[in-house]
Amino acid sequence: MGGFPARHEPAVTATRPSNASSPVSIRQEDLIQSVADALQYISYYHPADYIRTLAAAQSARNRRRPRTPWRRS
């Protein structure tokens, strides 16, 4: 009800194998679908002015300090 999409499990689920030193592999299609699902969720549950303000803040931040490969944003 209410016009909102049904909640579902994320597209990407990863479990670590029994030997913990092995990396977990995530397929590119699963990652893309997970990001798309997250953006869809945001578009339904956050008002448009919030999204515009968030985008403006990120843009201003990127203008102040360029991202470098060794620094996470």
N, C-alpha and C. Protein backbone atom coordinates (compact mmCIF):
# COMPACT_ATOMS: atom_id res chain seq x y z
N MET A 1 0.82 -1.19 0.00
CA MET A 1 0.00 0.00 0.00
C MET A 1 0.86 1.24 0.00
N GLY A 2 0.26 2.39 -0.31
CA GLY A 2 0.98 3.65 -0.24
C GLY A 2 1.81 3.97 -1.46
N GLY A 3 1.86 3.10 -2.44
CA GLY A 3 2.58 3.39 -3.66
C GLY A 3 4.08 3.17 -3.58
N PHE A 4 4.57 2.61 -2.49
CA PHE A 4 5.99 2.38 -2.37
C PHE A 4 6.32 0.96 -2.81
N PRO A 5 7.53 0.76 -3.33
CA PRO A 5 7.90 -0.58 -3.79
C PRO A 5 8.03 -1.53 -2.60
N ALA A 6 7.84 -2.79 -2.87
CA ALA A 6 8.01 -3.80 -1.82
C ALA A 6 9.48 -3.89 -1.46
N ARG A 7 9.76 -4.07 -0.20
CA ARG A 7 11.14 -4.24 0.24
C ARG A 7 11.61 -5.64 -0.14
N HIS A 8 12.85 -5.73 -0.54
CA HIS A 8 13.40 -7.02 -0.91
C HIS A 8 14.85 -7.10 -0.49
N GLU A 9 15.39 -8.27 -0.59
CA GLU A 9 16.79 -8.47 -0.22
C GLU A 9 17.69 -7.77 -1.24
N PRO A 10 18.83 -7.25 -0.81
CA PRO A 10 19.74 -6.61 -1.76
C PRO A 10 20.24 -7.60 -2.81
N ALA A 11 20.62 -7.08 -3.96
CA ALA A 11 21.08 -7.93 -5.05
C ALA A 11 22.41 -8.60 -4.72
N VAL A 12 23.22 -7.95 -3.89
CA VAL A 12 24.54 -8.50 -3.58
C VAL A 12 24.53 -9.06 -2.17
N THR A 13 24.76 -10.32 -2.05
CA THR A 13 24.98 -10.94 -0.75
C THR A 13 26.26 -11.74 -0.84
N ALA A 14 27.11 -11.56 0.10
CA ALA A 14 28.39 -12.26 0.06
C ALA A 14 28.64 -12.93 1.39
N THR A 15 29.11 -14.12 1.34
CA THR A 15 29.51 -14.82 2.55
C THR A 15 30.96 -15.23 2.39
N ARG A 16 31.67 -15.12 3.46
CA ARG A 16 33.09 -15.48 3.41
C ARG A 16 33.22 -16.99 3.48
N PRO A 17 34.06 -17.54 2.60
CA PRO A 17 34.28 -18.98 2.63
C PRO A 17 34.92 -19.41 3.97
N SER A 18 34.96 -20.69 4.21
CA SER A 18 35.48 -21.19 5.48
C SER A 18 36.93 -20.78 5.72
N ASN A 19 37.72 -20.69 4.66
CA ASN A 19 39.10 -20.20 4.85
C ASN A 19 39.07 -18.69 4.67
N ALA A 20 39.09 -17.95 5.75
CA ALA A 20 38.86 -16.52 5.78
C ALA A 20 39.88 -15.70 4.99
N SER A 21 40.98 -16.28 4.57
CA SER A 21 41.98 -15.51 3.84
C SER A 21 41.59 -15.31 2.37
N SER A 22 40.61 -16.05 1.88
CA SER A 22 40.18 -15.91 0.49
C SER A 22 39.29 -14.68 0.33
N PRO A 23 39.50 -13.88 -0.72
CA PRO A 23 38.63 -12.71 -0.93
C PRO A 23 37.24 -13.14 -1.39
N VAL A 24 36.28 -12.28 -1.12
CA VAL A 24 34.91 -12.53 -1.56
C VAL A 24 34.75 -11.91 -2.93
N SER A 25 34.16 -12.64 -3.85
CA SER A 25 33.98 -12.16 -5.21
C SER A 25 32.55 -11.66 -5.40
N ILE A 26 32.41 -10.46 -5.96
CA ILE A 26 31.09 -9.89 -6.26
C ILE A 26 31.03 -9.62 -7.75
N ARG A 27 30.01 -10.15 -8.41
CA ARG A 27 29.88 -9.95 -9.86
C ARG A 27 29.51 -8.51 -10.16
N GLN A 28 29.98 -8.00 -11.28
CA GLN A 28 29.71 -6.62 -11.68
C GLN A 28 28.21 -6.38 -11.83
N GLU A 29 27.49 -7.32 -12.40
CA GLU A 29 26.04 -7.15 -12.58
C GLU A 29 25.34 -7.01 -11.23
N ASP A 30 25.79 -7.77 -10.24
CA ASP A 30 25.19 -7.69 -8.90
C ASP A 30 25.48 -6.34 -8.25
N LEU A 31 26.69 -5.84 -8.43
CA LEU A 31 27.04 -4.53 -7.88
C LEU A 31 26.20 -3.43 -8.52
N ILE A 32 26.07 -3.47 -9.84
CA ILE A 32 25.27 -2.47 -10.55
C ILE A 32 23.83 -2.52 -10.09
N GLN A 33 23.28 -3.72 -9.95
CA GLN A 33 21.89 -3.86 -9.50
C GLN A 33 21.71 -3.36 -8.08
N SER A 34 22.69 -3.59 -7.23
CA SER A 34 22.62 -3.13 -5.84
C SER A 34 22.62 -1.60 -5.77
N VAL A 35 23.47 -0.97 -6.56
CA VAL A 35 23.51 0.50 -6.59
C VAL A 35 22.19 1.04 -7.14
N ALA A 36 21.67 0.42 -8.19
CA ALA A 36 20.39 0.84 -8.75
C ALA A 36 19.27 0.71 -7.72
N ASP A 37 19.27 -0.39 -6.97
CA ASP A 37 18.27 -0.58 -5.92
C ASP A 37 18.39 0.50 -4.84
N ALA A 38 19.61 0.84 -4.46
CA ALA A 38 19.82 1.87 -3.44
C ALA A 38 19.32 3.22 -3.93
N LEU A 39 19.60 3.56 -5.17
CA LEU A 39 19.13 4.84 -5.72
C LEU A 39 17.61 4.87 -5.81
N GLN A 40 17.02 3.75 -6.17
CA GLN A 40 15.56 3.67 -6.22
C GLN A 40 14.96 3.88 -4.83
N TYR A 41 15.56 3.27 -3.82
CA TYR A 41 15.09 3.43 -2.44
C TYR A 41 15.17 4.89 -2.03
N ILE A 42 16.31 5.52 -2.32
CA ILE A 42 16.49 6.93 -1.96
C ILE A 42 15.43 7.79 -2.65
N SER A 43 15.15 7.51 -3.91
CA SER A 43 14.19 8.33 -4.66
C SER A 43 12.78 8.21 -4.09
N TYR A 44 12.44 7.09 -3.47
CA TYR A 44 11.11 6.91 -2.89
C TYR A 44 11.00 7.47 -1.48
N TYR A 45 12.06 7.37 -0.69
CA TYR A 45 11.97 7.68 0.72
C TYR A 45 12.61 9.01 1.13
N HIS A 46 13.17 9.77 0.19
CA HIS A 46 13.74 11.07 0.50
C HIS A 46 13.13 12.11 -0.43
N PRO A 47 12.74 13.27 0.10
CA PRO A 47 12.15 14.30 -0.74
C PRO A 47 13.17 14.88 -1.72
N ALA A 48 12.67 15.42 -2.82
CA ALA A 48 13.54 15.94 -3.89
C ALA A 48 14.46 17.05 -3.39
N ASP A 49 13.99 17.92 -2.50
CA ASP A 49 14.85 19.00 -2.03
C ASP A 49 16.03 18.46 -1.22
N TYR A 50 15.85 17.36 -0.53
CA TYR A 50 16.95 16.74 0.20
C TYR A 50 18.00 16.23 -0.78
N ILE A 51 17.57 15.59 -1.85
CA ILE A 51 18.49 15.06 -2.85
C ILE A 51 19.26 16.20 -3.52
N ARG A 52 18.56 17.29 -3.86
CA ARG A 52 19.23 18.44 -4.48
C ARG A 52 20.27 19.03 -3.54
N THR A 53 19.94 19.15 -2.25
CA THR A 53 20.87 19.70 -1.27
C THR A 53 22.08 18.78 -1.11
N LEU A 54 21.85 17.50 -1.08
CA LEU A 54 22.94 16.53 -0.97
C LEU A 54 23.87 16.63 -2.19
N ALA A 55 23.30 16.72 -3.38
CA ALA A 55 24.10 16.84 -4.60
C ALA A 55 24.90 18.14 -4.61
N ALA A 56 24.29 19.23 -4.17
CA ALA A 56 25.00 20.52 -4.12
C ALA A 56 26.16 20.47 -3.14
N ALA A 57 25.95 19.84 -2.00
CA ALA A 57 27.02 19.73 -1.00
C ALA A 57 28.18 18.88 -1.54
N GLN A 58 27.86 17.79 -2.21
CA GLN A 58 28.92 16.94 -2.78
C GLN A 58 29.67 17.69 -3.87
N SER A 59 28.95 18.43 -4.69
CA SER A 59 29.59 19.20 -5.76
C SER A 59 30.53 20.25 -5.18
N ALA A 60 30.08 20.95 -4.14
CA ALA A 60 30.92 21.96 -3.50
C ALA A 60 32.16 21.31 -2.88
N ARG A 61 31.98 20.16 -2.29
CA ARG A 61 33.11 19.45 -1.68
C ARG A 61 34.12 19.05 -2.74
N ASN A 62 33.64 18.59 -3.88
CA ASN A 62 34.54 18.18 -4.95
C ASN A 62 35.29 19.37 -5.54
N ARG A 63 34.68 20.54 -5.56
CA ARG A 63 35.36 21.73 -6.06
C ARG A 63 36.45 22.19 -5.09
N ARG A 64 36.21 22.03 -3.80
CA ARG A 64 37.19 22.48 -2.79
C ARG A 64 38.42 21.60 -2.76
N ARG A 65 38.23 20.29 -2.86
CA ARG A 65 39.34 19.38 -2.69
C ARG A 65 39.22 18.24 -3.69
N PRO A 66 40.09 18.20 -4.70
CA PRO A 66 40.02 17.09 -5.65
C PRO A 66 40.33 15.77 -4.96
N ARG A 67 39.67 14.75 -5.39
CA ARG A 67 39.87 13.42 -4.81
C ARG A 67 41.18 12.84 -5.30
N THR A 68 41.92 12.27 -4.39
CA THR A 68 43.17 11.62 -4.74
C THR A 68 43.00 10.11 -4.55
N PRO A 69 43.78 9.31 -5.27
CA PRO A 69 43.61 7.85 -5.19
C PRO A 69 43.83 7.29 -3.79
N TRP A 70 44.65 7.94 -2.97
CA TRP A 70 44.95 7.39 -1.65
C TRP A 70 44.03 7.94 -0.56
N ARG A 71 43.15 8.88 -0.89
CA ARG A 71 42.26 9.45 0.10
C ARG A 71 40.82 9.09 -0.26
N ARG A 72 40.12 8.48 0.67
CA ARG A 72 38.71 8.15 0.43
C ARG A 72 37.87 9.39 0.66
N SER A 73 36.79 9.51 -0.15
CA SER A 73 35.95 10.68 0.01
C SER A 73 34.88 10.46 1.04
